[in-house]
């Protein structure tokens, strides 16, 4: 499952604005804004195409979503850390 926290954390990890994420992922800025403002405890209800586009973009960028029993978050690949130096 993917939650709004995943999108907000992943976007923050990449230091992107909502507009930049929209441009790079192919998902519209209003859709990203709506996702980030959705209720945190609910799984995203957006179309599978939107969710797949975001997951693919973040995975290609070196991020992995965490959805464990008690934890939700994002793993940041070492590639991102090296590139930000």
Protein backbone atom coordinates (compact mmCIF):
# COMPACT_ATOMS: atom_id res chain seq x y z
CA UNK A 1 0.00 0.00 0.00
CA UNK A 2 1.04 3.56 -0.57
CA UNK A 3 0.03 6.42 1.72
CA UNK A 4 0.27 10.19 1.44
CA UNK A 5 3.18 10.10 3.90
CA UNK A 6 5.17 8.07 1.39
CA UNK A 7 4.76 10.72 -1.28
CA UNK A 8 5.55 13.62 1.06
CA UNK A 9 8.59 11.90 2.58
CA UNK A 10 9.94 10.75 -0.77
CA UNK A 11 9.47 14.18 -2.35
CA UNK A 12 11.21 15.78 0.62
CA UNK A 13 14.10 13.28 0.45
CA UNK A 14 14.67 14.30 -3.17
CA UNK A 15 14.29 17.99 -2.27
CA UNK A 16 11.59 18.49 -4.92
CA UNK A 17 8.66 20.88 -5.00
CA UNK A 18 5.25 19.51 -5.91
CA UNK A 19 5.66 21.11 -9.34
CA UNK A 20 9.05 19.50 -9.90
CA UNK A 21 7.70 16.11 -8.86
CA UNK A 22 4.78 16.58 -11.26
CA UNK A 23 7.11 17.40 -14.13
CA UNK A 24 9.48 14.51 -13.45
CA UNK A 25 6.85 11.84 -12.70
CA UNK A 26 4.22 12.79 -15.26
CA UNK A 27 1.56 13.17 -12.55
CA UNK A 28 -0.20 16.55 -12.44
CA UNK A 29 0.66 19.03 -9.69
CA UNK A 30 -2.98 19.26 -8.51
CA UNK A 31 -3.07 15.46 -8.17
CA UNK A 32 0.14 15.46 -6.13
CA UNK A 33 -1.25 18.24 -3.92
CA UNK A 34 -4.47 16.27 -3.38
CA UNK A 35 -2.49 13.13 -2.55
CA UNK A 36 -0.37 14.95 0.01
CA UNK A 37 -3.46 16.53 1.61
CA UNK A 38 -5.41 13.26 1.81
CA UNK A 39 -6.07 11.59 5.15
CA UNK A 40 -2.84 9.99 6.41
CA UNK A 41 -4.34 6.69 7.58
CA UNK A 42 -6.06 5.92 4.28
CA UNK A 43 -4.51 4.07 1.39
CA UNK A 44 -4.39 6.28 -1.69
CA UNK A 45 -7.45 5.89 -3.87
CA UNK A 46 -5.95 7.43 -7.00
CA UNK A 47 -5.89 5.52 -10.25
CA UNK A 48 -3.40 2.69 -10.54
CA UNK A 49 -1.71 4.62 -13.36
CA UNK A 50 -1.00 7.57 -11.03
CA UNK A 51 0.26 5.38 -8.20
CA UNK A 52 2.42 3.31 -10.54
CA UNK A 53 3.93 6.46 -12.08
CA UNK A 54 4.87 7.80 -8.65
CA UNK A 55 6.23 4.47 -7.42
CA UNK A 56 8.26 4.02 -10.61
CA UNK A 57 9.69 7.55 -10.42
CA UNK A 58 10.67 7.19 -6.75
CA UNK A 59 12.13 3.71 -7.28
CA UNK A 60 14.15 4.94 -10.27
CA UNK A 61 15.38 7.77 -8.03
CA UNK A 62 16.65 5.31 -5.41
CA UNK A 63 13.81 5.38 -2.89
CA UNK A 64 11.86 2.44 -1.49
CA UNK A 65 8.55 2.72 0.36
CA UNK A 66 8.30 0.99 3.73
CA UNK A 67 4.92 -0.38 4.83
CA UNK A 68 5.43 -2.60 7.84
CA UNK A 69 3.08 -3.52 10.65
CA UNK A 70 4.04 -0.56 12.82
CA UNK A 71 6.11 1.60 10.46
CA UNK A 72 5.51 3.63 7.32
CA UNK A 73 8.37 5.43 5.69
CA UNK A 74 10.93 5.68 2.96
CA UNK A 75 14.34 4.07 2.59
CA UNK A 76 16.86 6.34 0.94
CA UNK A 77 19.43 4.72 -1.30
CA UNK A 78 23.07 5.59 -0.77
CA UNK A 79 23.13 6.82 -4.37
CA UNK A 80 20.96 9.79 -3.35
CA UNK A 81 23.24 10.66 -0.44
CA UNK A 82 26.35 10.52 -2.62
CA UNK A 83 24.73 12.71 -5.29
CA UNK A 84 23.71 15.36 -2.78
CA UNK A 85 27.29 15.97 -1.55
